[in-house]
């Protein structure tokens, strides 16, 4: 997952360094839904911009719990800001080691990423809430809690030890599920992608199977956002033909309420779908002030993104004072959703991958400057019990909050 190159420079020539404070000021003016940037020094500064129906609304900007009607794991996924805000009040010495964090680690935020060479690599697929100068143990603690309240729950001590092994440089063998996914040939992936595109498009338009709606049905706030961003989008996709455009807003998960635009494109007879997702400040900013979005992305990519060039675009772009994450939509193989686990094999695969991911997080954290300090802290007598108590405290808290 480590990257030795800045992936954004050859990809996005028009990417500019972004000021979080300027970004917040713009959003506050145009959408009146975010807190002023001054809350950075105190805590929360992010939340959903639009409701699932697309109408503007005022989100929680104080780190409060955003209740969802689904199970607790989905509630957990939808509340990374709540977690990092809660973590600020914790005084455990386990949180002293700092570094680059993924921000919202759970099994659905990592997956197989197609590479330009036709291979696949298991890595972080969601950098929205990532950050720097944040507690490394806090990053793992969030992952730990998510696993313990999911259908892929493994023994807590096993999960902890897998992470410690990674911190000490010990790499766990890849589970059979991951080996199978990464061994898929480029031809098989191309065939799979074509089937996916056939499903979501028809006659050079998005079909009814695509999870997007027509822009003509979008509320004014979203149409205005699209209009003022279109030239930036076009500059990036200038060597593609635009066939159709749609928008979507998720009503759950870490990006709930954030509008995103899907472009159905064609280049040399090949179809592509690019997504431009509006970004707010990362959940990690509720714990520590974060750098400009591009600088943050560069640092996070070095630790958590593919070691080889990923296929398709992936990175932050700036349109005026708005920031988007642009990425190509792929029908990847990795699909271990606890909510979809219906067989013993599903659960076994999920549990094995959960342990593997804990180990991978340990490897990425351990390779950082404070990695040795963190390992010594977590190996001390009583550290496991302290860590477990933190996890139980947060799990109990969100269980009450989501009732």
Protein backbone atom coordinates (compact mmCIF):
# COMPACT_ATOMS: atom_id res chain seq x y z
CA UNK A 1 0.00 0.00 0.00
CA UNK A 2 2.95 2.38 0.30
CA UNK A 3 3.45 4.81 -2.57
CA UNK A 4 6.90 6.22 -3.35
CA UNK A 5 5.60 8.79 -5.85
CA UNK A 6 3.22 11.72 -5.73
CA UNK A 7 0.36 10.22 -7.71
CA UNK A 8 -1.56 13.44 -8.15
CA UNK A 9 0.94 15.46 -10.23
CA UNK A 10 0.89 13.40 -13.44
CA UNK A 11 -2.83 12.83 -13.05
CA UNK A 12 -4.25 16.26 -12.28
CA UNK A 13 -2.39 19.12 -13.88
CA UNK A 14 -5.00 21.56 -12.72
CA UNK A 15 -4.92 20.53 -9.06
CA UNK A 16 -4.08 23.47 -6.84
CA UNK A 17 -3.06 23.69 -3.22
CA UNK A 18 -6.23 24.25 -1.22
CA UNK A 19 -6.84 26.24 1.93
CA UNK A 20 -9.28 24.54 4.29
CA UNK A 21 -10.24 27.89 5.71
CA UNK A 22 -11.04 29.32 2.26
CA UNK A 23 -12.95 26.17 1.42
CA UNK A 24 -15.04 26.42 4.55
CA UNK A 25 -15.71 30.11 3.95
CA UNK A 26 -16.99 29.35 0.45
CA UNK A 27 -19.25 26.56 1.60
CA UNK A 28 -20.61 28.65 4.44
CA UNK A 29 -21.42 31.47 2.02
CA UNK A 30 -22.91 29.42 -0.80
CA UNK A 31 -24.59 26.62 1.13
CA UNK A 32 -24.77 28.00 4.69
CA UNK A 33 -24.33 24.55 6.14
CA UNK A 34 -20.86 24.37 7.71
CA UNK A 35 -19.31 25.82 10.82
CA UNK A 36 -16.75 28.63 10.49
CA UNK A 37 -13.13 27.61 10.19
CA UNK A 38 -12.42 28.91 13.69
CA UNK A 39 -13.84 25.72 15.12
CA UNK A 40 -10.73 23.91 13.88
CA UNK A 41 -8.91 24.73 17.07
CA UNK A 42 -11.82 23.46 19.13
CA UNK A 43 -13.20 20.51 17.26
CA UNK A 44 -15.93 19.71 14.73
CA UNK A 45 -16.18 21.38 11.38
CA UNK A 46 -17.85 18.93 9.04
CA UNK A 47 -21.15 17.30 8.26
CA UNK A 48 -23.48 16.46 5.36
CA UNK A 49 -24.26 19.27 2.95
CA UNK A 50 -27.53 17.96 1.58
CA UNK A 51 -30.25 15.63 2.70
CA UNK A 52 -30.87 12.38 0.83
CA UNK A 53 -33.60 14.18 -1.10
CA UNK A 54 -31.10 16.81 -2.15
CA UNK A 55 -32.49 19.77 -0.26
CA UNK A 56 -30.12 21.99 1.69
CA UNK A 57 -30.13 21.45 5.42
CA UNK A 58 -28.11 22.34 8.46
CA UNK A 59 -26.00 19.38 9.61
CA UNK A 60 -24.65 18.66 13.03
CA UNK A 61 -21.39 20.57 13.31
CA UNK A 62 -20.66 19.87 16.95
CA UNK A 63 -19.48 16.29 16.66
CA UNK A 64 -22.87 14.93 17.67
CA UNK A 65 -24.08 11.52 16.56
CA UNK A 66 -25.87 11.37 13.21
CA UNK A 67 -28.50 8.73 13.84
CA UNK A 68 -29.28 6.29 11.04
CA UNK A 69 -32.09 3.79 10.79
CA UNK A 70 -29.81 0.90 9.82
CA UNK A 71 -27.78 -1.30 12.16
CA UNK A 72 -25.09 -0.02 14.50
CA UNK A 73 -22.27 -0.83 12.10
CA UNK A 74 -23.83 1.43 9.47
CA UNK A 75 -24.29 4.07 12.14
CA UNK A 76 -20.62 3.70 13.01
CA UNK A 77 -19.64 4.11 9.35
CA UNK A 78 -21.72 7.28 9.11
CA UNK A 79 -20.08 8.95 12.11
CA UNK A 80 -16.33 9.26 11.73
CA UNK A 81 -16.55 12.93 12.85
CA UNK A 82 -18.31 11.85 16.04
CA UNK A 83 -15.50 9.40 16.77
CA UNK A 84 -12.62 11.85 16.32
CA UNK A 85 -14.47 14.45 18.34
CA UNK A 86 -14.94 11.91 21.15
CA UNK A 87 -11.29 10.90 20.93
CA UNK A 88 -10.18 14.46 21.71
CA UNK A 89 -11.58 14.07 25.21
CA UNK A 90 -9.66 10.87 25.92
CA UNK A 91 -6.44 11.30 27.91
CA UNK A 92 -4.91 7.85 27.48
CA UNK A 93 -1.12 7.73 27.03
CA UNK A 94 -1.79 5.19 24.26
CA UNK A 95 -2.78 8.13 22.06
CA UNK A 96 0.54 9.98 22.30
CA UNK A 97 2.16 8.43 19.21
CA UNK A 98 1.13 10.50 16.19
CA UNK A 99 1.30 10.06 12.45
CA UNK A 100 -0.65 9.67 9.21
CA UNK A 101 -4.02 8.02 9.81
CA UNK A 102 -6.55 6.55 7.44
CA UNK A 103 -9.26 8.30 9.45
CA UNK A 104 -12.17 5.95 8.88
CA UNK A 105 -10.76 2.43 8.72
CA UNK A 106 -13.23 -0.40 8.37
CA UNK A 107 -13.39 -3.42 6.11
CA UNK A 108 -15.47 -1.63 3.45
CA UNK A 109 -13.02 1.25 3.08
CA UNK A 110 -10.24 -1.02 1.82
CA UNK A 111 -10.41 -3.06 -1.35
CA UNK A 112 -8.78 -4.28 -4.52
CA UNK A 113 -7.56 -1.39 -6.65
CA UNK A 114 -6.96 -2.04 -10.36
CA UNK A 115 -3.51 -0.96 -11.52
CA UNK A 116 -2.36 0.26 -14.91
CA UNK A 117 -0.30 -2.90 -15.35
CA UNK A 118 -3.46 -5.01 -15.16
CA UNK A 119 -2.81 -6.33 -11.66
CA UNK A 120 -4.71 -5.55 -8.46
CA UNK A 121 -3.57 -4.30 -5.06
CA UNK A 122 -5.38 -4.27 -1.73
CA UNK A 123 -5.28 -0.73 -0.36
CA UNK A 124 -7.26 2.17 1.07
CA UNK A 125 -10.07 3.25 -1.27
CA UNK A 126 -11.50 6.10 0.81
CA UNK A 127 -9.25 8.97 1.88
CA UNK A 128 -12.06 11.38 2.83
CA UNK A 129 -11.35 11.37 6.58
CA UNK A 130 -7.63 10.68 6.55
CA UNK A 131 -5.14 13.04 8.12
CA UNK A 132 -1.77 13.76 9.66
CA UNK A 133 -0.54 14.39 13.21
CA UNK A 134 -3.30 12.21 14.65
CA UNK A 135 -3.08 9.30 17.14
CA UNK A 136 -2.04 6.13 15.37
CA UNK A 137 -3.57 3.99 18.12
CA UNK A 138 -6.74 6.03 17.72
CA UNK A 139 -6.86 5.09 14.05
CA UNK A 140 -6.63 1.42 14.95
CA UNK A 141 -9.09 1.87 17.81
CA UNK A 142 -11.73 3.04 15.35
CA UNK A 143 -11.09 -0.01 13.18
CA UNK A 144 -11.17 -2.25 16.27
CA UNK A 145 -14.57 -0.95 17.41
CA UNK A 146 -16.01 -1.30 13.92
CA UNK A 147 -14.97 -4.93 13.76
CA UNK A 148 -16.34 -5.74 17.20
CA UNK A 149 -19.82 -4.41 16.35
CA UNK A 150 -19.93 -6.01 12.90
CA UNK A 151 -20.87 -9.46 11.69
CA UNK A 152 -17.15 -10.16 11.18
CA UNK A 153 -16.27 -9.84 14.84
CA UNK A 154 -13.11 -11.73 15.77
CA UNK A 155 -11.65 -12.33 19.20
CA UNK A 156 -10.49 -8.90 20.42
CA UNK A 157 -7.10 -10.14 21.61
CA UNK A 158 -6.44 -11.77 18.24
CA UNK A 159 -7.23 -8.50 16.49
CA UNK A 160 -4.96 -6.59 18.87
CA UNK A 161 -2.10 -9.05 18.43
CA UNK A 162 -2.41 -8.96 14.63
CA UNK A 163 -1.96 -5.20 14.82
CA UNK A 164 1.02 -5.48 17.19
CA UNK A 165 2.63 -8.01 14.85
CA UNK A 166 2.34 -5.46 12.08
CA UNK A 167 3.82 -2.74 14.27
CA UNK A 168 6.85 -4.97 14.84
CA UNK A 169 7.22 -5.62 11.11
CA UNK A 170 5.71 -9.09 10.94
CA UNK A 171 3.58 -9.55 7.83
CA UNK A 172 0.62 -11.89 8.00
CA UNK A 173 0.07 -14.29 5.12
CA UNK A 174 -2.64 -13.21 2.71
CA UNK A 175 -6.00 -14.92 3.25
CA UNK A 176 -7.26 -17.17 0.46
CA UNK A 177 -10.00 -14.68 -0.34
CA UNK A 178 -7.50 -11.91 -1.08
CA UNK A 179 -5.17 -14.18 -2.99
CA UNK A 180 -8.06 -15.19 -5.22
CA UNK A 181 -9.04 -11.58 -5.87
CA UNK A 182 -5.52 -10.39 -6.65
CA UNK A 183 -4.94 -13.30 -9.01
CA UNK A 184 -7.75 -12.27 -11.35
CA UNK A 185 -6.38 -11.58 -14.81
CA UNK A 186 -6.60 -8.23 -16.58
CA UNK A 187 -8.81 -9.85 -19.24
CA UNK A 188 -11.26 -11.14 -16.66
CA UNK A 189 -11.42 -7.75 -15.03
CA UNK A 190 -12.05 -6.07 -18.39
CA UNK A 191 -14.89 -8.47 -19.05
CA UNK A 192 -16.32 -7.81 -15.60
CA UNK A 193 -16.07 -4.05 -16.12
CA UNK A 194 -17.83 -4.28 -19.49
CA UNK A 195 -20.71 -6.18 -17.90
CA UNK A 196 -20.92 -3.52 -15.22
CA UNK A 197 -21.01 -0.73 -17.80
CA UNK A 198 -23.60 -2.63 -19.85
CA UNK A 199 -25.76 -2.82 -16.74
CA UNK A 200 -25.64 0.85 -15.80
CA UNK A 201 -25.77 2.36 -19.29
CA UNK A 202 -27.84 1.93 -22.42
CA UNK A 203 -27.80 3.81 -25.72
CA UNK A 204 -25.02 6.05 -24.42
CA UNK A 205 -27.10 7.11 -21.41
CA UNK A 206 -27.23 6.00 -17.81
CA UNK A 207 -29.82 3.27 -17.49
CA UNK A 208 -32.37 2.76 -14.75
CA UNK A 209 -29.87 0.40 -13.09
CA UNK A 210 -27.37 3.19 -12.49
CA UNK A 211 -27.49 4.59 -8.94
CA UNK A 212 -27.85 8.16 -10.21
CA UNK A 213 -30.66 10.57 -11.01
CA UNK A 214 -30.99 13.03 -13.86
CA UNK A 215 -29.58 16.46 -13.19
CA UNK A 216 -32.87 17.91 -14.40
CA UNK A 217 -34.47 16.55 -11.23
CA UNK A 218 -31.79 17.94 -8.91
CA UNK A 219 -32.62 20.76 -6.49
CA UNK A 220 -31.27 24.19 -7.24
CA UNK A 221 -28.33 23.92 -4.81
CA UNK A 222 -26.95 20.88 -6.63
CA UNK A 223 -27.57 22.32 -10.08
CA UNK A 224 -25.74 25.50 -9.07
CA UNK A 225 -22.82 23.45 -7.74
CA UNK A 226 -22.68 21.54 -11.02
CA UNK A 227 -22.81 24.66 -13.19
CA UNK A 228 -20.01 26.44 -11.35
CA UNK A 229 -17.82 23.31 -11.43
CA UNK A 230 -18.47 22.10 -14.98
CA UNK A 231 -15.55 23.89 -16.64
CA UNK A 232 -13.12 22.36 -14.14
CA UNK A 233 -14.60 18.93 -14.81
CA UNK A 234 -14.33 19.44 -18.56
CA UNK A 235 -10.70 20.50 -18.33
CA UNK A 236 -9.89 17.20 -16.66
CA UNK A 237 -11.90 14.99 -19.04
CA UNK A 238 -11.13 16.95 -22.22
CA UNK A 239 -9.82 13.91 -24.08
CA UNK A 240 -13.09 12.03 -23.45
CA UNK A 241 -16.54 12.50 -24.95
CA UNK A 242 -19.28 13.19 -22.40
CA UNK A 243 -22.23 10.90 -23.07
CA UNK A 244 -24.36 11.54 -19.99
CA UNK A 245 -24.24 13.06 -16.51
CA UNK A 246 -26.14 12.16 -13.34
CA UNK A 247 -25.94 12.87 -9.63
CA UNK A 248 -26.45 10.91 -6.45
CA UNK A 249 -26.53 11.47 -2.71
CA UNK A 250 -26.02 8.65 -0.23
CA UNK A 251 -28.22 8.59 2.85
CA UNK A 252 -25.79 6.54 4.94
CA UNK A 253 -22.10 5.79 5.28
CA UNK A 254 -19.23 8.19 5.77
CA UNK A 255 -20.25 10.33 2.79
CA UNK A 256 -23.91 10.57 3.65
CA UNK A 257 -25.46 13.79 2.37
CA UNK A 258 -22.57 14.71 0.06
CA UNK A 259 -23.51 15.27 -3.60
CA UNK A 260 -21.51 13.55 -6.28
CA UNK A 261 -21.65 13.77 -10.07
CA UNK A 262 -21.24 10.79 -12.35
CA UNK A 263 -20.00 11.28 -15.92
CA UNK A 264 -20.53 8.56 -18.51
CA UNK A 265 -17.58 9.03 -20.86
CA UNK A 266 -16.21 7.50 -24.03
CA UNK A 267 -12.66 7.44 -25.34
CA UNK A 268 -11.57 5.50 -28.39
CA UNK A 269 -14.70 3.39 -28.19
CA UNK A 270 -14.19 2.54 -24.53
CA UNK A 271 -16.71 3.64 -21.89
CA UNK A 272 -15.74 5.00 -18.50
CA UNK A 273 -17.59 6.38 -15.50
CA UNK A 274 -15.90 9.12 -13.51
CA UNK A 275 -17.23 10.35 -10.22
CA UNK A 276 -16.68 13.84 -8.78
CA UNK A 277 -17.57 13.81 -5.09
CA UNK A 278 -17.79 17.06 -3.12
CA UNK A 279 -15.43 17.05 -0.15
CA UNK A 280 -15.79 18.58 3.29
CA UNK A 281 -13.09 18.69 5.94
CA UNK A 282 -11.83 15.29 7.07
CA UNK A 283 -13.04 13.81 10.34
CA UNK A 284 -9.40 13.81 11.48
CA UNK A 285 -9.54 17.63 11.51
CA UNK A 286 -11.72 17.34 14.58
CA UNK A 287 -8.67 16.09 16.46
CA UNK A 288 -5.85 18.10 14.84
CA UNK A 289 -5.62 20.94 12.32
CA UNK A 290 -5.03 19.43 8.89
CA UNK A 291 -2.98 20.78 5.98
CA UNK A 292 -4.41 21.80 2.62
CA UNK A 293 -6.30 19.00 0.90
CA UNK A 294 -3.68 18.35 -1.77
CA UNK A 295 -0.85 18.19 0.77
CA UNK A 296 -2.93 15.87 2.96
CA UNK A 297 -3.69 13.62 -0.01
CA UNK A 298 -0.03 13.42 -0.94
CA UNK A 299 1.00 12.34 2.56
CA UNK A 300 -1.83 9.84 2.91
CA UNK A 301 -1.13 8.36 -0.53
CA UNK A 302 2.45 7.59 0.44
CA UNK A 303 1.22 5.41 3.29
CA UNK A 304 -2.10 3.91 2.23
CA UNK A 305 -2.48 4.04 -1.55
CA UNK A 306 -1.09 1.54 -4.12
CA UNK A 307 2.65 1.12 -4.54
CA UNK A 308 2.10 1.01 -8.31
CA UNK A 309 0.18 3.43 -10.50
CA UNK A 310 -3.57 2.93 -10.09
CA UNK A 311 -5.78 2.74 -13.16
CA UNK A 312 -8.04 5.70 -13.82
CA UNK A 313 -7.99 9.06 -12.06
CA UNK A 314 -7.84 9.38 -8.31
CA UNK A 315 -7.16 12.60 -6.41
CA UNK A 316 -8.46 15.94 -5.23
CA UNK A 317 -9.25 18.77 -7.62
CA UNK A 318 -10.30 22.33 -6.91
CA UNK A 319 -13.09 24.18 -8.67
CA UNK A 320 -13.10 27.74 -7.44
CA UNK A 321 -13.54 27.30 -3.72
CA UNK A 322 -15.09 23.84 -3.95
CA UNK A 323 -13.07 20.64 -3.63
CA UNK A 324 -13.89 17.29 -5.22
CA UNK A 325 -12.46 13.79 -5.08
CA UNK A 326 -12.34 12.45 -8.63
CA UNK A 327 -12.14 8.73 -9.27
CA UNK A 328 -13.15 6.20 -11.88
CA UNK A 329 -15.88 3.78 -10.90
CA UNK A 330 -14.79 0.15 -11.20
CA UNK A 331 -16.71 -3.03 -10.51
CA UNK A 332 -14.03 -4.44 -8.24
CA UNK A 333 -13.99 -7.95 -6.86
CA UNK A 334 -13.59 -7.25 -3.16
CA UNK A 335 -17.06 -7.44 -1.64
CA UNK A 336 -17.03 -8.37 2.03
CA UNK A 337 -19.94 -6.48 3.54
CA UNK A 338 -20.94 -7.74 7.00
CA UNK A 339 -24.56 -6.91 6.19
CA UNK A 340 -24.44 -9.26 3.19
CA UNK A 341 -22.73 -12.18 4.92
CA UNK A 342 -25.19 -15.06 4.65
CA UNK A 343 -23.01 -18.15 4.91
CA UNK A 344 -20.30 -19.51 7.18
CA UNK A 345 -17.85 -19.05 4.30
CA UNK A 346 -18.76 -15.34 4.04
CA UNK A 347 -18.15 -14.87 7.76
CA UNK A 348 -14.92 -16.85 7.71
CA UNK A 349 -13.59 -14.81 4.79
CA UNK A 350 -14.61 -11.60 6.53
CA UNK A 351 -12.93 -12.57 9.77
CA UNK A 352 -9.71 -13.64 8.09
CA UNK A 353 -9.61 -10.40 6.11
CA UNK A 354 -10.35 -8.45 9.29
CA UNK A 355 -7.27 -9.90 10.96
CA UNK A 356 -5.20 -9.29 7.84
CA UNK A 357 -6.31 -5.68 7.66
CA UNK A 358 -5.40 -5.15 11.34
CA UNK A 359 -1.94 -6.49 10.52
CA UNK A 360 -1.67 -4.22 7.48
CA UNK A 361 -2.62 -1.20 9.57
CA UNK A 362 0.11 -2.17 12.04
CA UNK A 363 2.66 -2.36 9.22
CA UNK A 364 1.68 1.09 7.93
CA UNK A 365 1.65 2.64 11.40
CA UNK A 366 4.83 0.91 12.51
CA UNK A 367 6.80 2.23 9.54
CA UNK A 368 6.14 5.82 10.60
CA UNK A 369 8.32 7.97 12.84
CA UNK A 370 6.38 7.19 16.03
CA UNK A 371 5.94 3.51 15.18
CA UNK A 372 8.48 2.22 17.69
CA UNK A 373 7.10 4.49 20.39
CA UNK A 374 3.61 3.17 19.71
CA UNK A 375 4.71 -0.47 19.83
CA UNK A 376 6.42 -0.02 23.18
CA UNK A 377 3.33 1.72 24.54
CA UNK A 378 0.95 -1.01 23.44
CA UNK A 379 3.21 -3.81 24.69
CA UNK A 380 3.34 -2.47 28.23
CA UNK A 381 1.57 -4.41 30.97
CA UNK A 382 -2.04 -3.31 31.21
CA UNK A 383 -2.09 -1.60 27.81
CA UNK A 384 -4.41 -4.15 26.25
CA UNK A 385 -6.95 -3.71 29.06
CA UNK A 386 -6.73 0.08 28.70
CA UNK A 387 -7.21 -0.17 24.95
CA UNK A 388 -10.12 -2.57 25.36
CA UNK A 389 -11.79 -0.28 27.88
CA UNK A 390 -11.56 2.63 25.41
CA UNK A 391 -13.16 0.45 22.75
CA UNK A 392 -15.94 -0.66 25.10
CA UNK A 393 -16.60 2.93 26.19
CA UNK A 394 -17.05 4.11 22.64
CA UNK A 395 -19.09 1.08 21.58
CA UNK A 396 -21.44 1.54 24.53
CA UNK A 397 -21.73 5.24 23.80
CA UNK A 398 -22.72 4.85 20.16
CA UNK A 399 -25.07 1.98 20.99
CA UNK A 400 -26.98 4.37 23.24
CA UNK A 401 -26.76 7.22 20.74
CA UNK A 402 -28.24 5.18 17.90
CA UNK A 403 -31.23 3.85 19.80
